[in-house]
Structures are given as C-alpha cells and as structure tokens.
Amino acid sequence: MTDLERKIYRILYNMSRFRKNPSMEELKRKTGKDEASIRKAVKNLMSRNELEWDKEKQEWRFK
C-alpha cells in the first residue's frame, strides 16, 4: 500500500465511523493531491479488495 493509499484509507475509515462520507474536495484538502491521484488510489484499494462501496447503505466497507 502506498502512502497516499494508506492516507486515504485512514481518512475514509475514520470519517465512516461517524457515518460521514468525505467529498472529493475534502479528500483533496486533506491529502494535498489532485482528483486523478485520489481516484487512482481508491481504485487500487478496491481492486485489492481492501475497500468496498456498499451501494445499499451508501457507505464504505473495510477489510
């Protein structure tokens, strides 16, 4: 897991504990990265099954 992936994972995990999904703007502000880098990191996490989006509950699931 890269540093950016780890950072995004921790942000999503911590915010999901309070039932809040961060917006792209919040992720950009908290990571200091652009949208393309963030999307790529999230896709990498999802492809390795470390992160999953639950469409019914509209929340992240963590492995």
N, C-alpha and C. Protein backbone atom coordinates (compact mmCIF):
# COMPACT_ATOMS: atom_id res chain seq x y z
N MET A 1 0.86 -1.17 0.00
CA MET A 1 0.00 0.00 0.00
C MET A 1 0.91 1.24 0.00
N THR A 2 0.64 2.15 -0.91
CA THR A 2 1.43 3.38 -0.98
C THR A 2 1.02 4.33 0.15
N ASP A 3 1.81 5.36 0.35
CA ASP A 3 1.50 6.34 1.39
C ASP A 3 0.14 7.02 1.14
N LEU A 4 -0.13 7.36 -0.12
CA LEU A 4 -1.39 8.01 -0.45
C LEU A 4 -2.56 7.06 -0.20
N GLU A 5 -2.42 5.80 -0.61
CA GLU A 5 -3.48 4.82 -0.38
C GLU A 5 -3.74 4.65 1.11
N ARG A 6 -2.68 4.56 1.89
CA ARG A 6 -2.81 4.42 3.33
C ARG A 6 -3.51 5.63 3.94
N LYS A 7 -3.14 6.81 3.48
CA LYS A 7 -3.74 8.05 3.99
C LYS A 7 -5.24 8.10 3.66
N ILE A 8 -5.59 7.79 2.42
CA ILE A 8 -6.99 7.81 2.01
C ILE A 8 -7.78 6.75 2.78
N TYR A 9 -7.20 5.58 2.94
CA TYR A 9 -7.86 4.50 3.69
C TYR A 9 -8.18 4.97 5.11
N ARG A 10 -7.20 5.60 5.77
CA ARG A 10 -7.40 6.07 7.15
C ARG A 10 -8.45 7.18 7.20
N ILE A 11 -8.44 8.09 6.25
CA ILE A 11 -9.44 9.17 6.21
C ILE A 11 -10.83 8.58 6.06
N LEU A 12 -11.00 7.67 5.10
CA LEU A 12 -12.31 7.05 4.86
C LEU A 12 -12.75 6.26 6.09
N TYR A 13 -11.83 5.51 6.67
CA TYR A 13 -12.17 4.70 7.84
C TYR A 13 -12.60 5.58 9.01
N ASN A 14 -11.81 6.59 9.32
CA ASN A 14 -12.12 7.45 10.46
C ASN A 14 -13.41 8.23 10.26
N MET A 15 -13.64 8.74 9.05
CA MET A 15 -14.86 9.51 8.81
C MET A 15 -16.09 8.61 8.77
N SER A 16 -15.92 7.36 8.31
CA SER A 16 -17.07 6.45 8.24
C SER A 16 -17.53 6.03 9.64
N ARG A 17 -16.66 6.10 10.61
CA ARG A 17 -17.05 5.76 11.98
C ARG A 17 -18.12 6.73 12.49
N PHE A 18 -18.15 7.92 11.92
CA PHE A 18 -19.15 8.93 12.30
C PHE A 18 -20.23 9.07 11.23
N ARG A 19 -20.36 8.02 10.37
CA ARG A 19 -21.38 7.98 9.31
C ARG A 19 -21.27 9.17 8.36
N LYS A 20 -20.05 9.56 8.03
CA LYS A 20 -19.85 10.66 7.10
C LYS A 20 -18.95 10.20 5.97
N ASN A 21 -19.38 10.44 4.75
CA ASN A 21 -18.56 10.15 3.59
C ASN A 21 -17.91 11.46 3.13
N PRO A 22 -16.58 11.50 3.06
CA PRO A 22 -15.92 12.74 2.66
C PRO A 22 -16.15 13.05 1.18
N SER A 23 -16.27 14.31 0.88
CA SER A 23 -16.41 14.73 -0.52
C SER A 23 -15.03 14.72 -1.17
N MET A 24 -15.03 14.85 -2.48
CA MET A 24 -13.75 14.91 -3.19
C MET A 24 -12.96 16.13 -2.75
N GLU A 25 -13.65 17.24 -2.51
CA GLU A 25 -12.97 18.46 -2.05
C GLU A 25 -12.30 18.24 -0.70
N GLU A 26 -12.98 17.53 0.20
CA GLU A 26 -12.38 17.24 1.50
C GLU A 26 -11.15 16.35 1.35
N LEU A 27 -11.25 15.34 0.48
CA LEU A 27 -10.10 14.46 0.26
C LEU A 27 -8.93 15.23 -0.37
N LYS A 28 -9.23 16.12 -1.30
CA LYS A 28 -8.17 16.93 -1.92
C LYS A 28 -7.49 17.81 -0.88
N ARG A 29 -8.28 18.40 0.00
CA ARG A 29 -7.73 19.27 1.04
C ARG A 29 -6.90 18.47 2.06
N LYS A 30 -7.41 17.32 2.47
CA LYS A 30 -6.73 16.53 3.50
C LYS A 30 -5.47 15.83 2.99
N THR A 31 -5.44 15.44 1.71
CA THR A 31 -4.28 14.73 1.16
C THR A 31 -3.31 15.66 0.44
N GLY A 32 -3.81 16.78 -0.06
CA GLY A 32 -2.96 17.67 -0.83
C GLY A 32 -2.71 17.18 -2.25
N LYS A 33 -3.53 16.23 -2.69
CA LYS A 33 -3.37 15.65 -4.03
C LYS A 33 -4.52 16.06 -4.94
N ASP A 34 -4.34 15.83 -6.25
CA ASP A 34 -5.39 16.17 -7.20
C ASP A 34 -6.40 15.02 -7.31
N GLU A 35 -7.51 15.29 -7.97
CA GLU A 35 -8.61 14.33 -8.08
C GLU A 35 -8.19 13.04 -8.78
N ALA A 36 -7.40 13.15 -9.83
CA ALA A 36 -6.97 11.96 -10.58
C ALA A 36 -6.15 11.02 -9.69
N SER A 37 -5.26 11.57 -8.89
CA SER A 37 -4.44 10.75 -7.99
C SER A 37 -5.29 10.06 -6.94
N ILE A 38 -6.27 10.78 -6.41
CA ILE A 38 -7.15 10.22 -5.39
C ILE A 38 -7.99 9.09 -5.98
N ARG A 39 -8.56 9.33 -7.15
CA ARG A 39 -9.38 8.29 -7.80
C ARG A 39 -8.56 7.04 -8.09
N LYS A 40 -7.33 7.23 -8.55
CA LYS A 40 -6.47 6.10 -8.85
C LYS A 40 -6.16 5.31 -7.58
N ALA A 41 -5.88 5.99 -6.49
CA ALA A 41 -5.57 5.32 -5.22
C ALA A 41 -6.77 4.54 -4.71
N VAL A 42 -7.97 5.12 -4.81
CA VAL A 42 -9.18 4.43 -4.36
C VAL A 42 -9.44 3.21 -5.23
N LYS A 43 -9.26 3.34 -6.54
CA LYS A 43 -9.44 2.19 -7.43
C LYS A 43 -8.45 1.08 -7.10
N ASN A 44 -7.21 1.44 -6.78
CA ASN A 44 -6.22 0.44 -6.40
C ASN A 44 -6.64 -0.28 -5.12
N LEU A 45 -7.13 0.47 -4.14
CA LEU A 45 -7.60 -0.14 -2.89
C LEU A 45 -8.77 -1.09 -3.16
N MET A 46 -9.67 -0.68 -4.03
CA MET A 46 -10.83 -1.52 -4.35
C MET A 46 -10.42 -2.76 -5.14
N SER A 47 -9.46 -2.63 -6.03
CA SER A 47 -9.03 -3.78 -6.84
C SER A 47 -8.33 -4.83 -5.99
N ARG A 48 -7.70 -4.41 -4.89
CA ARG A 48 -7.05 -5.36 -3.97
C ARG A 48 -7.98 -5.81 -2.86
N ASN A 49 -9.27 -5.47 -2.98
CA ASN A 49 -10.30 -5.85 -2.00
C ASN A 49 -10.01 -5.37 -0.59
N GLU A 50 -9.33 -4.24 -0.47
CA GLU A 50 -9.11 -3.65 0.85
C GLU A 50 -10.21 -2.66 1.19
N LEU A 51 -10.97 -2.28 0.17
CA LEU A 51 -12.01 -1.27 0.31
C LEU A 51 -13.16 -1.65 -0.62
N GLU A 52 -14.38 -1.44 -0.14
CA GLU A 52 -15.56 -1.81 -0.94
C GLU A 52 -16.67 -0.81 -0.67
N TRP A 53 -17.40 -0.43 -1.73
CA TRP A 53 -18.51 0.50 -1.59
C TRP A 53 -19.81 -0.29 -1.52
N ASP A 54 -20.58 -0.09 -0.45
CA ASP A 54 -21.87 -0.74 -0.27
C ASP A 54 -22.93 0.19 -0.85
N LYS A 55 -23.50 -0.17 -2.00
CA LYS A 55 -24.46 0.70 -2.69
C LYS A 55 -25.75 0.85 -1.91
N GLU A 56 -26.19 -0.21 -1.24
CA GLU A 56 -27.44 -0.13 -0.49
C GLU A 56 -27.35 0.85 0.67
N LYS A 57 -26.30 0.71 1.46
CA LYS A 57 -26.15 1.54 2.66
C LYS A 57 -25.44 2.86 2.38
N GLN A 58 -24.89 3.00 1.17
CA GLN A 58 -24.15 4.19 0.79
C GLN A 58 -23.01 4.46 1.77
N GLU A 59 -22.19 3.42 2.01
CA GLU A 59 -21.06 3.56 2.92
C GLU A 59 -19.91 2.64 2.49
N TRP A 60 -18.72 2.91 3.01
CA TRP A 60 -17.55 2.12 2.72
C TRP A 60 -17.49 0.92 3.65
N ARG A 61 -16.97 -0.19 3.11
CA ARG A 61 -16.67 -1.37 3.91
C ARG A 61 -15.18 -1.61 3.83
N PHE A 62 -14.60 -1.98 4.97
CA PHE A 62 -13.15 -2.13 5.07
C PHE A 62 -12.79 -3.57 5.37
N LYS A 63 -11.69 -4.01 4.79
CA LYS A 63 -11.22 -5.40 5.00
C LYS A 63 -10.04 -5.42 5.93
